[in-house]
Amino acid sequence: MFLILGNRTAIIARKGIESVICSRCDSAGRLVYQVHSRHLHVFWILLFSADKYGSVYCEKCRALREEEDVPDELYADLEEFVKETKAPPWQYTGIALTIMALIIVPNFIKIKKNENIQMLSKPQIGDIYEFITQNRTYSTLLVIEINEDSIWVAPNRYSTSKIENLHKIKLEHYHYPELKRGICRNNLIEKYIEGEILKITRK
């Protein structure tokens, strides 16, 4: 997996200055102070504002001067405008999403884990267990019988090297009831905690 990192610049504030002579076209007109904010992003999700800088734009000749090229008589006023301009909240979208993910994802995982443990403690016929085989591939087991001490599962005729492909083979008719094997009910939760059983699907 790789990250796509980058930065973009957006104009976040403008202020017009009337009756000022443009040093480029020597005409009196309206100049516009602009504040640019450079923000970092990952996968095009904004993270935060990295820095700000100013520019001056002439509406008559359309000349744009970056901060370092702004005439001395305008520089101090432009700098003050840049300092008083705050980065807009939308430039911190990524930080907000990250904080939400740090709160929501662990809780979601905990809930799903408790649900799986609950289903393992009370198995039902028709449950399908996703698990890791001894060859480190992925397959499923179909619960076909249950008694007081054990459950009986039918193995899947197929396995896959990629866990994301399990949904393609997790079909009831792909399992072999004639090859059923027993698992002690007391061991089910232990197998889940140890990572041998990955997930339980119940209709």
C-alpha atoms as a PDB file:
ATOM      1  CA  MET A   1       0.000   0.000   0.000  1.00  0.00           C
ATOM      2  CA  PHE A   2       1.236   3.498  -0.762  1.00  0.00           C
ATOM      3  CA  LEU A   3       0.097   6.979   0.201  1.00  0.00           C
ATOM      4  CA  ILE A   4      -0.593   9.756  -2.283  1.00  0.00           C
ATOM      5  CA  LEU A   5       0.706  12.896  -0.592  1.00  0.00           C
ATOM      6  CA  GLY A   6       0.572  16.393  -1.963  1.00  0.00           C
ATOM      7  CA  ASN A   7      -0.306  20.019  -1.383  1.00  0.00           C
ATOM      8  CA  ARG A   8      -2.661  22.491  -2.951  1.00  0.00           C
ATOM      9  CA  THR A   9      -3.161  26.217  -2.694  1.00  0.00           C
ATOM     10  CA  ALA A  10      -6.449  28.059  -2.369  1.00  0.00           C
ATOM     11  CA  ILE A  11      -7.379  31.723  -2.065  1.00  0.00           C
ATOM     12  CA  ILE A  12      -9.113  32.077   1.303  1.00  0.00           C
ATOM     13  CA  ALA A  13      -9.600  35.867   1.547  1.00  0.00           C
ATOM     14  CA  ARG A  14      -9.712  38.984  -0.624  1.00  0.00           C
ATOM     15  CA  LYS A  15      -9.803  42.702   0.192  1.00  0.00           C
ATOM     16  CA  GLY A  16     -10.173  45.521  -2.346  1.00  0.00           C
ATOM     17  CA  ILE A  17      -8.144  48.736  -2.103  1.00  0.00           C
ATOM     18  CA  GLU A  18      -9.609  51.648  -4.050  1.00  0.00           C
ATOM     19  CA  SER A  19      -7.793  54.428  -5.939  1.00  0.00           C
ATOM     20  CA  VAL A  20      -4.307  52.972  -5.691  1.00  0.00           C
ATOM     21  CA  ILE A  21      -1.764  53.323  -8.486  1.00  0.00           C
ATOM     22  CA  CYS A  22      -0.596  49.993  -9.877  1.00  0.00           C
ATOM     23  CA  SER A  23       3.185  49.888 -10.208  1.00  0.00           C
ATOM     24  CA  ARG A  24       2.859  47.679 -13.283  1.00  0.00           C
ATOM     25  CA  CYS A  25       0.441  49.688 -15.434  1.00  0.00           C
ATOM     26  CA  ASP A  26       0.788  53.064 -13.636  1.00  0.00           C
ATOM     27  CA  SER A  27      -2.988  53.420 -13.588  1.00  0.00           C
ATOM     28  CA  ALA A  28      -5.137  54.375 -10.641  1.00  0.00           C
ATOM     29  CA  GLY A  29      -7.726  51.755  -9.991  1.00  0.00           C
ATOM     30  CA  ARG A  30      -8.669  48.944  -7.681  1.00  0.00           C
ATOM     31  CA  LEU A  31      -6.069  46.594  -6.275  1.00  0.00           C
ATOM     32  CA  VAL A  32      -7.026  43.398  -4.496  1.00  0.00           C
ATOM     33  CA  TYR A  33      -5.141  41.875  -1.594  1.00  0.00           C
ATOM     34  CA  GLN A  34      -5.351  38.089  -1.714  1.00  0.00           C
ATOM     35  CA  VAL A  35      -4.451  35.552   0.958  1.00  0.00           C
ATOM     36  CA  HIS A  36      -3.378  32.132  -0.278  1.00  0.00           C
ATOM     37  CA  SER A  37      -3.367  29.100   1.988  1.00  0.00           C
ATOM     38  CA  ARG A  38      -1.324  26.002   1.155  1.00  0.00           C
ATOM     39  CA  HIS A  39      -2.823  22.817   2.577  1.00  0.00           C
ATOM     40  CA  LEU A  40      -1.541  19.254   2.695  1.00  0.00           C
ATOM     41  CA  HIS A  41      -3.634  16.298   1.607  1.00  0.00           C
ATOM     42  CA  VAL A  42      -3.488  12.501   1.586  1.00  0.00           C
ATOM     43  CA  PHE A  43      -5.488  10.740  -1.143  1.00  0.00           C
ATOM     44  CA  TRP A  44      -7.069  14.157  -1.834  1.00  0.00           C
ATOM     45  CA  ILE A  45      -8.379  14.334   1.741  1.00  0.00           C
ATOM     46  CA  LEU A  46      -7.388  17.650   3.293  1.00  0.00           C
ATOM     47  CA  LEU A  47      -5.258  17.378   6.414  1.00  0.00           C
ATOM     48  CA  PHE A  48      -4.387  20.886   7.566  1.00  0.00           C
ATOM     49  CA  SER A  49      -3.221  24.316   6.452  1.00  0.00           C
ATOM     50  CA  ALA A  50       0.568  24.380   6.108  1.00  0.00           C
ATOM     51  CA  ASP A  51       1.216  28.094   5.555  1.00  0.00           C
ATOM     52  CA  LYS A  52      -0.199  31.356   4.200  1.00  0.00           C
ATOM     53  CA  TYR A  53       1.123  34.072   1.948  1.00  0.00           C
ATOM     54  CA  GLY A  54      -0.227  37.169   0.240  1.00  0.00           C
ATOM     55  CA  SER A  55      -0.378  38.653  -3.224  1.00  0.00           C
ATOM     56  CA  VAL A  56      -1.656  41.823  -4.885  1.00  0.00           C
ATOM     57  CA  TYR A  57      -3.846  41.738  -7.987  1.00  0.00           C
ATOM     58  CA  CYS A  58      -4.618  44.654 -10.276  1.00  0.00           C
ATOM     59  CA  GLU A  59      -8.127  44.505 -11.688  1.00  0.00           C
ATOM     60  CA  LYS A  60      -7.199  46.735 -14.609  1.00  0.00           C
ATOM     61  CA  CYS A  61      -4.038  45.132 -16.037  1.00  0.00           C
ATOM     62  CA  ARG A  62      -4.601  41.784 -14.268  1.00  0.00           C
ATOM     63  CA  ALA A  63      -1.029  41.744 -12.995  1.00  0.00           C
ATOM     64  CA  LEU A  64      -0.457  39.488 -10.000  1.00  0.00           C
ATOM     65  CA  ARG A  65       2.409  40.163  -7.640  1.00  0.00           C
ATOM     66  CA  GLU A  66       3.549  37.604  -5.099  1.00  0.00           C
ATOM     67  CA  GLU A  67       4.376  38.767  -1.609  1.00  0.00           C
ATOM     68  CA  GLU A  68       8.097  39.185  -2.272  1.00  0.00           C
ATOM     69  CA  ASP A  69       7.393  41.475  -5.267  1.00  0.00           C
ATOM     70  CA  VAL A  70       4.845  43.722  -3.572  1.00  0.00           C
ATOM     71  CA  PRO A  71       5.898  47.405  -3.401  1.00  0.00           C
ATOM     72  CA  ASP A  72       7.127  48.596   0.002  1.00  0.00           C
ATOM     73  CA  GLU A  73       4.199  51.015   0.446  1.00  0.00           C
ATOM     74  CA  LEU A  74       1.739  48.075   0.270  1.00  0.00           C
ATOM     75  CA  TYR A  75       3.784  45.350   1.934  1.00  0.00           C
ATOM     76  CA  ALA A  76       3.027  46.165   5.591  1.00  0.00           C
ATOM     77  CA  ASP A  77      -0.715  46.458   4.926  1.00  0.00           C
ATOM     78  CA  LEU A  78      -0.726  43.156   3.013  1.00  0.00           C
ATOM     79  CA  GLU A  79       1.239  41.386   5.763  1.00  0.00           C
ATOM     80  CA  GLU A  80      -1.257  42.559   8.376  1.00  0.00           C
ATOM     81  CA  PHE A  81      -4.135  41.256   6.251  1.00  0.00           C
ATOM     82  CA  VAL A  82      -2.411  37.873   5.903  1.00  0.00           C
ATOM     83  CA  LYS A  83      -1.819  37.630   9.664  1.00  0.00           C
ATOM     84  CA  GLU A  84      -5.410  38.440  10.594  1.00  0.00           C
ATOM     85  CA  THR A  85      -6.871  35.948   8.083  1.00  0.00           C
ATOM     86  CA  LYS A  86      -7.541  32.534   9.602  1.00  0.00           C
ATOM     87  CA  ALA A  87      -7.479  29.302   7.647  1.00  0.00           C
ATOM     88  CA  PRO A  88     -11.077  28.152   6.995  1.00  0.00           C
ATOM     89  CA  PRO A  89     -12.397  25.103   8.896  1.00  0.00           C
ATOM     90  CA  TRP A  90     -12.684  23.008   5.717  1.00  0.00           C
ATOM     91  CA  GLN A  91      -8.887  22.890   5.500  1.00  0.00           C
ATOM     92  CA  TYR A  92      -8.877  20.742   8.649  1.00  0.00           C
ATOM     93  CA  THR A  93     -11.282  18.126   7.287  1.00  0.00           C
ATOM     94  CA  GLY A  94      -8.652  15.392   7.357  1.00  0.00           C
ATOM     95  CA  ILE A  95      -7.796  15.960  11.020  1.00  0.00           C
ATOM     96  CA  ALA A  96     -11.481  15.816  11.963  1.00  0.00           C
ATOM     97  CA  LEU A  97     -11.975  12.610   9.960  1.00  0.00           C
ATOM     98  CA  THR A  98      -8.873  11.061  11.537  1.00  0.00           C
ATOM     99  CA  ILE A  99     -10.096  11.833  15.059  1.00  0.00           C
ATOM    100  CA  MET A 100     -13.514  10.410  14.240  1.00  0.00           C
ATOM    101  CA  ALA A 101     -11.914   7.275  12.792  1.00  0.00           C
ATOM    102  CA  LEU A 102      -9.761   6.814  15.904  1.00  0.00           C
ATOM    103  CA  ILE A 103     -12.912   6.918  18.018  1.00  0.00           C
ATOM    104  CA  ILE A 104     -15.365   5.042  15.800  1.00  0.00           C
ATOM    105  CA  VAL A 105     -13.211   2.269  14.299  1.00  0.00           C
ATOM    106  CA  PRO A 106     -11.983   0.727  17.599  1.00  0.00           C
ATOM    107  CA  ASN A 107     -15.533   0.795  18.965  1.00  0.00           C
ATOM    108  CA  PHE A 108     -16.856  -0.844  15.792  1.00  0.00           C
ATOM    109  CA  ILE A 109     -14.180  -3.558  15.989  1.00  0.00           C
ATOM    110  CA  LYS A 110     -15.004  -4.170  19.639  1.00  0.00           C
ATOM    111  CA  ILE A 111     -18.725  -4.461  18.877  1.00  0.00           C
ATOM    112  CA  LYS A 112     -18.100  -6.910  16.011  1.00  0.00           C
ATOM    113  CA  LYS A 113     -15.766  -8.958  18.201  1.00  0.00           C
ATOM    114  CA  ASN A 114     -18.388  -9.203  20.941  1.00  0.00           C
ATOM    115  CA  GLU A 115     -21.010 -10.200  18.357  1.00  0.00           C
ATOM    116  CA  ASN A 116     -18.787 -12.983  17.025  1.00  0.00           C
ATOM    117  CA  ILE A 117     -18.048 -14.280  20.520  1.00  0.00           C
ATOM    118  CA  GLN A 118     -21.753 -14.241  21.313  1.00  0.00           C
ATOM    119  CA  MET A 119     -22.534 -16.283  18.188  1.00  0.00           C
ATOM    120  CA  LEU A 120     -19.754 -18.758  18.977  1.00  0.00           C
ATOM    121  CA  SER A 121     -21.070 -19.234  22.498  1.00  0.00           C
ATOM    122  CA  LYS A 122     -24.513 -20.050  21.049  1.00  0.00           C
ATOM    123  CA  PRO A 123     -23.879 -21.678  17.659  1.00  0.00           C
ATOM    124  CA  GLN A 124     -26.702 -22.317  15.230  1.00  0.00           C
ATOM    125  CA  ILE A 125     -27.071 -24.678  12.292  1.00  0.00           C
ATOM    126  CA  GLY A 126     -26.286 -22.781   9.117  1.00  0.00           C
ATOM    127  CA  ASP A 127     -23.572 -20.589  10.675  1.00  0.00           C
ATOM    128  CA  ILE A 128     -20.554 -20.174   8.411  1.00  0.00           C
ATOM    129  CA  TYR A 129     -17.125 -19.748   9.963  1.00  0.00           C
ATOM    130  CA  GLU A 130     -14.360 -18.078   7.989  1.00  0.00           C
ATOM    131  CA  PHE A 131     -10.994 -19.473   9.043  1.00  0.00           C
ATOM    132  CA  ILE A 132      -7.299 -19.802   8.191  1.00  0.00           C
ATOM    133  CA  THR A 133      -6.214 -23.223   7.015  1.00  0.00           C
ATOM    134  CA  GLN A 134      -2.965 -24.966   7.971  1.00  0.00           C
ATOM    135  CA  ASN A 135      -1.605 -23.961   4.555  1.00  0.00           C
ATOM    136  CA  ARG A 136      -2.262 -20.287   5.434  1.00  0.00           C
ATOM    137  CA  THR A 137      -5.085 -19.990   2.923  1.00  0.00           C
ATOM    138  CA  TYR A 138      -8.658 -18.960   3.703  1.00  0.00           C
ATOM    139  CA  SER A 139     -11.774 -21.102   3.620  1.00  0.00           C
ATOM    140  CA  THR A 140     -15.082 -21.656   5.420  1.00  0.00           C
ATOM    141  CA  LEU A 141     -16.864 -24.217   7.581  1.00  0.00           C
ATOM    142  CA  LEU A 142     -20.631 -24.748   7.608  1.00  0.00           C
ATOM    143  CA  VAL A 143     -22.271 -25.756  10.904  1.00  0.00           C
ATOM    144  CA  ILE A 144     -24.563 -28.731  10.167  1.00  0.00           C
ATOM    145  CA  GLU A 145     -25.073 -30.387  13.576  1.00  0.00           C
ATOM    146  CA  ILE A 146     -24.989 -29.251  17.184  1.00  0.00           C
ATOM    147  CA  ASN A 147     -25.057 -31.243  20.397  1.00  0.00           C
ATOM    148  CA  GLU A 148     -24.353 -30.421  24.019  1.00  0.00           C
ATOM    149  CA  ASP A 149     -20.565 -30.642  23.824  1.00  0.00           C
ATOM    150  CA  SER A 150     -19.648 -30.298  20.153  1.00  0.00           C
ATOM    151  CA  ILE A 151     -20.603 -28.885  16.815  1.00  0.00           C
ATOM    152  CA  TRP A 152     -20.180 -30.633  13.482  1.00  0.00           C
ATOM    153  CA  VAL A 153     -18.981 -28.632  10.512  1.00  0.00           C
ATOM    154  CA  ALA A 154     -18.764 -29.351   6.786  1.00  0.00           C
ATOM    155  CA  PRO A 155     -15.586 -28.076   5.092  1.00  0.00           C
ATOM    156  CA  ASN A 156     -15.666 -25.990   1.956  1.00  0.00           C
ATOM    157  CA  ARG A 157     -14.357 -27.653  -1.201  1.00  0.00           C
ATOM    158  CA  TYR A 158     -12.542 -24.439  -2.090  1.00  0.00           C
ATOM    159  CA  SER A 159     -10.012 -22.149  -0.451  1.00  0.00           C
ATOM    160  CA  THR A 160      -8.439 -18.867  -1.500  1.00  0.00           C
ATOM    161  CA  SER A 161      -5.099 -17.191  -0.928  1.00  0.00           C
ATOM    162  CA  LYS A 162      -6.752 -13.799  -0.443  1.00  0.00           C
ATOM    163  CA  ILE A 163      -9.146 -13.068   2.385  1.00  0.00           C
ATOM    164  CA  GLU A 164     -11.056 -10.545   0.261  1.00  0.00           C
ATOM    165  CA  ASN A 165     -12.078 -13.380  -2.073  1.00  0.00           C
ATOM    166  CA  LEU A 166     -13.829 -15.403   0.638  1.00  0.00           C
ATOM    167  CA  HIS A 167     -17.222 -14.037  -0.342  1.00  0.00           C
ATOM    168  CA  LYS A 168     -16.880 -15.803  -3.702  1.00  0.00           C
ATOM    169  CA  ILE A 169     -16.680 -19.270  -2.106  1.00  0.00           C
ATOM    170  CA  LYS A 170     -18.855 -18.707   0.972  1.00  0.00           C
ATOM    171  CA  LEU A 171     -21.831 -20.545  -0.477  1.00  0.00           C
ATOM    172  CA  GLU A 172     -23.702 -23.280   1.340  1.00  0.00           C
ATOM    173  CA  HIS A 173     -23.628 -25.757  -1.560  1.00  0.00           C
ATOM    174  CA  TYR A 174     -19.822 -25.571  -1.735  1.00  0.00           C
ATOM    175  CA  HIS A 175     -19.539 -27.486   1.556  1.00  0.00           C
ATOM    176  CA  TYR A 176     -19.158 -31.280   1.916  1.00  0.00           C
ATOM    177  CA  PRO A 177     -21.445 -32.674   4.671  1.00  0.00           C
ATOM    178  CA  GLU A 178     -19.981 -36.170   4.120  1.00  0.00           C
ATOM    179  CA  LEU A 179     -16.586 -34.866   5.287  1.00  0.00           C
ATOM    180  CA  LYS A 180     -17.940 -33.355   8.471  1.00  0.00           C
ATOM    181  CA  ARG A 181     -15.742 -33.068  11.522  1.00  0.00           C
ATOM    182  CA  GLY A 182     -16.421 -32.217  15.119  1.00  0.00           C
ATOM    183  CA  ILE A 183     -15.190 -29.258  17.134  1.00  0.00           C
ATOM    184  CA  CYS A 184     -15.536 -29.009  20.912  1.00  0.00           C
ATOM    185  CA  ARG A 185     -17.828 -26.097  21.709  1.00  0.00           C
ATOM    186  CA  ASN A 186     -15.509 -25.006  24.525  1.00  0.00           C
ATOM    187  CA  ASN A 187     -12.739 -24.462  21.963  1.00  0.00           C
ATOM    188  CA  LEU A 188     -14.656 -22.220  19.575  1.00  0.00           C
ATOM    189  CA  ILE A 189     -14.075 -18.922  21.369  1.00  0.00           C
ATOM    190  CA  GLU A 190     -10.426 -19.842  21.946  1.00  0.00           C
ATOM    191  CA  LYS A 191      -9.965 -20.465  18.206  1.00  0.00           C
ATOM    192  CA  TYR A 192     -11.503 -17.069  17.492  1.00  0.00           C
ATOM    193  CA  ILE A 193      -9.324 -15.218  20.007  1.00  0.00           C
ATOM    194  CA  GLU A 194      -6.211 -16.954  18.642  1.00  0.00           C
ATOM    195  CA  GLY A 195      -7.142 -15.851  15.115  1.00  0.00           C
ATOM    196  CA  GLU A 196      -7.913 -19.242  13.578  1.00  0.00           C
ATOM    197  CA  ILE A 197     -11.602 -18.420  13.197  1.00  0.00           C
ATOM    198  CA  LEU A 198     -11.915 -14.990  11.618  1.00  0.00           C
ATOM    199  CA  LYS A 199     -15.586 -14.230  11.236  1.00  0.00           C
ATOM    200  CA  ILE A 200     -19.035 -15.769  11.708  1.00  0.00           C
ATOM    201  CA  THR A 201     -21.881 -15.272   9.243  1.00  0.00           C
ATOM    202  CA  ARG A 202     -25.398 -16.036  10.417  1.00  0.00           C
ATOM    203  CA  LYS A 203     -28.490 -15.871   8.245  1.00  0.00           C
END
